[in-house]
């Protein structure tokens, strides 16, 4: 089982896809990493040799900020925005979209699936007894 930066990669997926399970690595970056480390992107994670896993681990740890370090950095950036009283910080604090999306509609997941129109989310009328 391949374990990179404290994350177990899924066994039966292509390495190209499995690297995307690391926070901070998407498909384009995983393709670039595999190209540099000279590993076939179509090989399954099970079939990686120990030497290939070590090459991947070393390259990722040396060149990219992933998982805990990246999460910490993002958290610090958001905290800084809140402390200086920036608009974006306020939006983060209120758990609303901070990049200019409309909120009258289309943010149900952010707002906790709140339905504000008459009749939506209504309980059925009590049945006759």
N, C-alpha and C. Protein backbone atom coordinates (compact mmCIF):
# COMPACT_ATOMS: atom_id res chain seq x y z
N UNK A 1 0.84 -1.17 0.00
CA UNK A 1 0.00 0.00 0.00
C UNK A 1 0.89 1.24 0.00
N UNK A 2 0.62 2.15 -0.94
CA UNK A 2 1.42 3.37 -1.05
C UNK A 2 0.92 4.40 -0.04
N UNK A 3 1.83 4.91 0.76
CA UNK A 3 1.49 5.93 1.75
C UNK A 3 2.40 7.13 1.50
N UNK A 4 1.78 8.24 1.13
CA UNK A 4 2.54 9.44 0.81
C UNK A 4 2.00 10.58 1.67
N UNK A 5 2.88 11.30 2.36
CA UNK A 5 2.57 12.44 3.21
C UNK A 5 1.43 12.11 4.17
N UNK A 6 1.45 10.90 4.72
CA UNK A 6 0.47 10.52 5.73
C UNK A 6 -0.88 10.10 5.19
N UNK A 7 -1.00 9.92 3.88
CA UNK A 7 -2.27 9.52 3.28
C UNK A 7 -2.08 8.21 2.54
N UNK A 8 -2.97 7.26 2.79
CA UNK A 8 -2.94 6.00 2.05
C UNK A 8 -3.62 6.21 0.71
N UNK A 9 -2.90 5.92 -0.37
CA UNK A 9 -3.49 6.05 -1.69
C UNK A 9 -4.38 4.84 -1.96
N UNK A 10 -5.52 5.04 -2.64
CA UNK A 10 -6.40 3.91 -2.93
C UNK A 10 -5.69 2.87 -3.79
N UNK A 11 -5.96 1.60 -3.51
CA UNK A 11 -5.19 0.52 -4.13
C UNK A 11 -5.46 0.31 -5.61
N UNK A 12 -6.72 0.29 -6.00
CA UNK A 12 -7.04 -0.19 -7.34
C UNK A 12 -7.28 0.94 -8.34
N UNK A 13 -6.66 2.08 -8.14
CA UNK A 13 -6.81 3.19 -9.08
C UNK A 13 -5.49 3.45 -9.78
N UNK A 14 -5.59 4.13 -10.94
CA UNK A 14 -4.37 4.53 -11.63
C UNK A 14 -3.65 5.56 -10.77
N UNK A 15 -2.34 5.56 -10.82
CA UNK A 15 -1.53 6.45 -9.99
C UNK A 15 -1.90 7.91 -10.27
N UNK A 16 -2.14 8.22 -11.52
CA UNK A 16 -2.50 9.56 -11.94
C UNK A 16 -3.73 10.06 -11.16
N UNK A 17 -4.71 9.21 -10.98
CA UNK A 17 -5.93 9.57 -10.26
C UNK A 17 -5.70 9.50 -8.75
N UNK A 18 -4.97 8.49 -8.29
CA UNK A 18 -4.76 8.26 -6.86
C UNK A 18 -4.02 9.43 -6.22
N UNK A 19 -3.11 10.08 -6.94
CA UNK A 19 -2.38 11.21 -6.37
C UNK A 19 -3.32 12.37 -6.05
N UNK A 20 -4.44 12.43 -6.74
CA UNK A 20 -5.42 13.47 -6.48
C UNK A 20 -6.07 13.37 -5.11
N UNK A 21 -5.89 12.25 -4.42
CA UNK A 21 -6.43 12.09 -3.08
C UNK A 21 -5.62 12.89 -2.05
N UNK A 22 -4.46 13.38 -2.45
CA UNK A 22 -3.67 14.24 -1.57
C UNK A 22 -4.21 15.67 -1.68
N UNK A 23 -4.41 16.33 -0.55
CA UNK A 23 -4.91 17.70 -0.54
C UNK A 23 -3.85 18.60 -1.16
N UNK A 24 -4.23 19.32 -2.21
CA UNK A 24 -3.30 20.23 -2.86
C UNK A 24 -2.76 19.69 -4.17
N UNK A 25 -3.15 18.45 -4.54
CA UNK A 25 -2.71 17.89 -5.81
C UNK A 25 -3.93 17.51 -6.63
N UNK A 26 -4.03 18.09 -7.81
CA UNK A 26 -5.12 17.77 -8.73
C UNK A 26 -4.57 16.96 -9.89
N UNK A 27 -5.40 16.76 -10.90
CA UNK A 27 -4.99 15.95 -12.05
C UNK A 27 -3.82 16.55 -12.83
N UNK A 28 -3.84 17.85 -13.17
CA UNK A 28 -2.71 18.40 -13.93
C UNK A 28 -1.38 18.30 -13.17
N UNK A 29 -1.42 18.56 -11.87
CA UNK A 29 -0.19 18.50 -11.07
C UNK A 29 0.28 17.05 -10.93
N UNK A 30 -0.65 16.12 -10.78
CA UNK A 30 -0.24 14.71 -10.67
C UNK A 30 0.40 14.24 -11.97
N UNK A 31 -0.12 14.69 -13.10
CA UNK A 31 0.48 14.33 -14.39
C UNK A 31 1.89 14.88 -14.49
N UNK A 32 2.08 16.11 -14.03
CA UNK A 32 3.41 16.73 -14.07
C UNK A 32 4.38 15.98 -13.15
N UNK A 33 3.92 15.61 -11.96
CA UNK A 33 4.77 14.88 -11.01
C UNK A 33 5.20 13.54 -11.59
N UNK A 34 4.26 12.83 -12.21
CA UNK A 34 4.57 11.51 -12.79
C UNK A 34 5.53 11.65 -13.97
N UNK A 35 5.39 12.73 -14.72
CA UNK A 35 6.29 12.97 -15.85
C UNK A 35 7.72 13.21 -15.37
N UNK A 36 7.86 14.01 -14.30
CA UNK A 36 9.18 14.33 -13.77
C UNK A 36 9.83 13.10 -13.14
N UNK A 37 9.02 12.31 -12.40
CA UNK A 37 9.57 11.13 -11.73
C UNK A 37 9.66 9.91 -12.64
N UNK A 38 9.23 10.08 -13.90
CA UNK A 38 9.31 9.02 -14.92
C UNK A 38 8.58 7.75 -14.48
N UNK A 39 7.33 7.94 -14.05
CA UNK A 39 6.47 6.81 -13.69
C UNK A 39 5.29 6.81 -14.65
N UNK A 40 4.92 5.63 -15.13
CA UNK A 40 3.80 5.49 -16.07
C UNK A 40 2.49 5.87 -15.37
N UNK A 41 1.74 6.84 -15.91
CA UNK A 41 0.50 7.27 -15.24
C UNK A 41 -0.60 6.21 -15.26
N UNK A 42 -0.49 5.23 -16.14
CA UNK A 42 -1.54 4.21 -16.25
C UNK A 42 -1.34 3.03 -15.31
N UNK A 43 -0.21 2.98 -14.62
CA UNK A 43 0.05 1.86 -13.71
C UNK A 43 -0.86 1.99 -12.49
N UNK A 44 -1.30 0.87 -11.95
CA UNK A 44 -2.16 0.88 -10.76
C UNK A 44 -1.32 1.10 -9.51
N UNK A 45 -1.94 1.64 -8.48
CA UNK A 45 -1.21 1.93 -7.25
C UNK A 45 -0.66 0.66 -6.62
N UNK A 46 -1.39 -0.46 -6.75
CA UNK A 46 -0.91 -1.75 -6.24
C UNK A 46 0.42 -2.13 -6.85
N UNK A 47 0.56 -1.85 -8.15
CA UNK A 47 1.71 -2.33 -8.91
C UNK A 47 2.95 -1.45 -8.78
N UNK A 48 2.88 -0.38 -8.02
CA UNK A 48 4.05 0.48 -7.83
C UNK A 48 5.11 -0.26 -7.01
N UNK A 49 6.35 -0.15 -7.44
CA UNK A 49 7.43 -0.75 -6.65
C UNK A 49 7.77 0.17 -5.49
N UNK A 50 8.47 -0.35 -4.51
CA UNK A 50 8.85 0.45 -3.35
C UNK A 50 9.73 1.62 -3.77
N UNK A 51 10.58 1.39 -4.77
CA UNK A 51 11.48 2.44 -5.26
C UNK A 51 10.68 3.57 -5.91
N UNK A 52 9.63 3.22 -6.67
CA UNK A 52 8.79 4.24 -7.31
C UNK A 52 8.03 5.06 -6.27
N UNK A 53 7.52 4.38 -5.24
CA UNK A 53 6.80 5.07 -4.18
C UNK A 53 7.73 6.05 -3.46
N UNK A 54 8.96 5.62 -3.20
CA UNK A 54 9.94 6.49 -2.54
C UNK A 54 10.27 7.70 -3.41
N UNK A 55 10.40 7.48 -4.73
CA UNK A 55 10.67 8.59 -5.65
C UNK A 55 9.54 9.62 -5.59
N UNK A 56 8.30 9.11 -5.64
CA UNK A 56 7.13 10.00 -5.58
C UNK A 56 7.11 10.77 -4.25
N UNK A 57 7.29 10.05 -3.15
CA UNK A 57 7.24 10.65 -1.82
C UNK A 57 8.29 11.75 -1.69
N UNK A 58 9.54 11.44 -2.09
CA UNK A 58 10.62 12.42 -1.97
C UNK A 58 10.34 13.66 -2.81
N UNK A 59 9.89 13.45 -4.06
CA UNK A 59 9.66 14.58 -4.96
C UNK A 59 8.54 15.48 -4.43
N UNK A 60 7.46 14.87 -3.96
CA UNK A 60 6.33 15.66 -3.47
C UNK A 60 6.71 16.42 -2.20
N UNK A 61 7.40 15.76 -1.27
CA UNK A 61 7.77 16.42 -0.02
C UNK A 61 8.74 17.58 -0.24
N UNK A 62 9.65 17.42 -1.21
CA UNK A 62 10.64 18.48 -1.44
C UNK A 62 10.08 19.67 -2.20
N UNK A 63 9.17 19.43 -3.15
CA UNK A 63 8.77 20.48 -4.08
C UNK A 63 7.40 21.09 -3.87
N UNK A 64 6.52 20.44 -3.11
CA UNK A 64 5.15 20.94 -2.99
C UNK A 64 4.71 21.00 -1.54
N UNK A 65 3.84 21.94 -1.25
CA UNK A 65 3.23 22.04 0.07
C UNK A 65 1.87 21.36 -0.04
N UNK A 66 1.71 20.24 0.63
CA UNK A 66 0.46 19.48 0.54
C UNK A 66 -0.02 19.10 1.94
N UNK A 67 -1.24 18.57 1.98
CA UNK A 67 -1.88 18.08 3.20
C UNK A 67 -1.81 19.07 4.36
N UNK A 68 -1.25 18.69 5.50
CA UNK A 68 -1.30 19.49 6.72
C UNK A 68 -0.73 20.89 6.58
N UNK A 69 0.42 21.00 5.92
CA UNK A 69 1.06 22.32 5.76
C UNK A 69 0.17 23.25 4.95
N UNK A 70 -0.41 22.74 3.87
CA UNK A 70 -1.25 23.56 3.01
C UNK A 70 -2.55 23.94 3.72
N UNK A 71 -3.15 22.98 4.41
CA UNK A 71 -4.38 23.27 5.17
C UNK A 71 -4.11 24.36 6.21
N UNK A 72 -2.98 24.24 6.90
CA UNK A 72 -2.61 25.22 7.92
C UNK A 72 -2.43 26.60 7.30
N UNK A 73 -1.76 26.65 6.15
CA UNK A 73 -1.53 27.93 5.48
C UNK A 73 -2.85 28.59 5.07
N UNK A 74 -3.77 27.80 4.53
CA UNK A 74 -5.07 28.33 4.12
C UNK A 74 -5.82 28.85 5.34
N UNK A 75 -5.78 28.08 6.42
CA UNK A 75 -6.46 28.48 7.65
C UNK A 75 -5.89 29.80 8.19
N UNK A 76 -4.56 29.93 8.15
CA UNK A 76 -3.91 31.16 8.62
C UNK A 76 -4.31 32.35 7.75
N UNK A 77 -4.39 32.14 6.44
CA UNK A 77 -4.78 33.22 5.54
C UNK A 77 -6.19 33.71 5.82
N UNK A 78 -7.11 32.75 6.06
CA UNK A 78 -8.50 33.11 6.35
C UNK A 78 -8.57 33.84 7.70
N UNK A 79 -7.81 33.36 8.68
CA UNK A 79 -7.79 34.00 10.00
C UNK A 79 -7.27 35.43 9.89
N UNK A 80 -6.24 35.65 9.06
CA UNK A 80 -5.69 36.99 8.86
C UNK A 80 -6.74 37.92 8.28
N UNK A 81 -7.50 37.41 7.28
CA UNK A 81 -8.55 38.23 6.67
C UNK A 81 -9.61 38.62 7.69
N UNK A 82 -9.95 37.70 8.58
CA UNK A 82 -10.94 38.00 9.61
C UNK A 82 -10.41 39.05 10.58
N UNK A 83 -9.14 38.92 10.99
CA UNK A 83 -8.56 39.84 11.97
C UNK A 83 -8.46 41.26 11.46
N UNK A 84 -8.12 41.43 10.18
CA UNK A 84 -7.97 42.79 9.66
C UNK A 84 -9.32 43.39 9.27
N UNK A 85 -10.38 42.61 9.40
CA UNK A 85 -11.72 43.14 9.13
C UNK A 85 -12.03 43.26 7.65
N UNK A 86 -11.39 42.46 6.82
CA UNK A 86 -11.64 42.51 5.38
C UNK A 86 -13.02 41.95 5.06
N UNK A 87 -13.59 42.41 3.97
CA UNK A 87 -14.90 41.94 3.53
C UNK A 87 -14.89 40.43 3.34
N UNK A 88 -13.83 39.93 2.71
CA UNK A 88 -13.72 38.49 2.50
C UNK A 88 -13.68 37.74 3.83
N UNK A 89 -13.01 38.31 4.82
CA UNK A 89 -12.96 37.70 6.14
C UNK A 89 -14.34 37.63 6.78
N UNK A 90 -15.12 38.70 6.61
CA UNK A 90 -16.49 38.72 7.14
C UNK A 90 -17.33 37.64 6.47
N UNK A 91 -17.17 37.49 5.18
CA UNK A 91 -17.94 36.47 4.44
C UNK A 91 -17.56 35.07 4.93
N UNK A 92 -16.28 34.85 5.18
CA UNK A 92 -15.85 33.56 5.71
C UNK A 92 -16.45 33.32 7.08
N UNK A 93 -16.45 34.36 7.92
CA UNK A 93 -16.97 34.23 9.28
C UNK A 93 -18.45 33.88 9.27
N UNK A 94 -19.19 34.44 8.30
CA UNK A 94 -20.63 34.19 8.20
C UNK A 94 -20.95 32.93 7.40
N UNK A 95 -19.91 32.27 6.92
CA UNK A 95 -20.04 31.05 6.11
C UNK A 95 -20.89 31.30 4.86
N UNK A 96 -20.58 32.41 4.19
CA UNK A 96 -21.23 32.76 2.93
C UNK A 96 -20.18 32.77 1.83
N UNK A 97 -20.60 32.71 0.56
CA UNK A 97 -19.63 32.76 -0.53
C UNK A 97 -18.82 34.04 -0.48
N UNK A 98 -17.51 33.94 -0.70
CA UNK A 98 -16.65 35.12 -0.58
C UNK A 98 -16.10 35.57 -1.92
N UNK A 99 -16.54 34.98 -3.00
CA UNK A 99 -15.98 35.33 -4.31
C UNK A 99 -17.01 35.93 -5.25
N UNK A 100 -18.00 36.60 -4.71
CA UNK A 100 -18.90 37.38 -5.54
C UNK A 100 -20.09 36.63 -6.11
N UNK A 101 -20.32 35.38 -5.72
CA UNK A 101 -21.48 34.66 -6.23
C UNK A 101 -22.76 35.26 -5.66
N UNK A 102 -23.85 35.10 -6.37
CA UNK A 102 -25.12 35.60 -5.87
C UNK A 102 -25.62 34.70 -4.75
N UNK A 103 -26.37 35.29 -3.83
CA UNK A 103 -26.83 34.48 -2.70
C UNK A 103 -28.35 34.45 -2.57
N UNK A 104 -29.05 35.23 -3.41
CA UNK A 104 -30.51 35.18 -3.33
C UNK A 104 -30.99 33.78 -3.70
N UNK A 105 -30.33 33.22 -4.69
CA UNK A 105 -30.57 31.82 -5.06
C UNK A 105 -29.21 31.14 -5.18
N UNK A 106 -29.20 29.87 -5.33
CA UNK A 106 -28.00 29.08 -5.67
C UNK A 106 -26.98 28.89 -4.55
N UNK A 107 -27.26 29.26 -3.32
CA UNK A 107 -26.28 28.98 -2.27
C UNK A 107 -26.91 28.15 -1.17
N UNK A 108 -27.80 27.29 -1.54
CA UNK A 108 -28.51 26.50 -0.52
C UNK A 108 -27.54 25.70 0.34
N UNK A 109 -26.52 25.12 -0.29
CA UNK A 109 -25.60 24.28 0.49
C UNK A 109 -24.82 25.13 1.49
N UNK A 110 -24.45 26.34 1.10
CA UNK A 110 -23.68 27.21 1.99
C UNK A 110 -24.56 27.69 3.13
N UNK A 111 -25.83 28.03 2.81
CA UNK A 111 -26.72 28.57 3.83
C UNK A 111 -27.42 27.49 4.62
N UNK A 112 -27.12 26.23 4.39
CA UNK A 112 -27.73 25.16 5.16
C UNK A 112 -29.09 24.76 4.61
N UNK A 113 -29.26 24.83 3.29
CA UNK A 113 -30.48 24.39 2.59
C UNK A 113 -31.72 25.14 3.10
N UNK A 114 -31.58 26.43 3.37
CA UNK A 114 -32.69 27.25 3.84
C UNK A 114 -33.55 27.62 2.65
N UNK A 115 -34.86 27.39 2.77
CA UNK A 115 -35.78 27.79 1.70
C UNK A 115 -36.63 28.94 2.24
N UNK A 116 -36.57 30.06 1.56
CA UNK A 116 -37.21 31.26 2.10
C UNK A 116 -38.54 31.60 1.42
N UNK A 117 -38.93 30.89 0.38
CA UNK A 117 -40.16 31.26 -0.32
C UNK A 117 -41.36 30.61 0.34
N UNK A 118 -42.52 31.19 0.12
CA UNK A 118 -43.75 30.69 0.71
C UNK A 118 -44.07 29.30 0.16
N UNK A 119 -44.33 28.39 1.02
CA UNK A 119 -44.79 27.08 0.58
C UNK A 119 -43.67 26.07 0.37
N UNK A 120 -42.43 26.53 0.23
CA UNK A 120 -41.38 25.56 0.02
C UNK A 120 -40.94 25.03 1.37
N UNK A 121 -40.75 23.76 1.47
CA UNK A 121 -40.32 23.14 2.70
C UNK A 121 -41.43 23.07 3.74
N UNK A 122 -42.67 23.14 3.25
CA UNK A 122 -43.82 23.15 4.16
C UNK A 122 -44.16 21.75 4.62
N UNK A 123 -44.65 21.65 5.81
CA UNK A 123 -45.09 20.37 6.32
C UNK A 123 -46.47 20.06 5.73
N UNK A 124 -46.77 18.79 5.44
CA UNK A 124 -48.11 18.48 4.92
C UNK A 124 -49.16 18.78 5.97
N UNK A 125 -50.35 19.17 5.51
CA UNK A 125 -51.44 19.53 6.43
C UNK A 125 -51.82 18.33 7.28
N UNK A 126 -52.23 18.60 8.50
CA UNK A 126 -52.60 17.51 9.41
C UNK A 126 -53.78 16.74 8.83
N UNK A 127 -53.74 15.43 8.96
CA UNK A 127 -54.81 14.62 8.40
C UNK A 127 -56.01 14.62 9.34
N UNK A 128 -57.21 14.38 8.75
CA UNK A 128 -58.43 14.38 9.55
C UNK A 128 -58.42 13.20 10.50
N UNK A 129 -58.96 13.40 11.68
CA UNK A 129 -59.02 12.31 12.66
C UNK A 129 -60.42 11.74 12.76
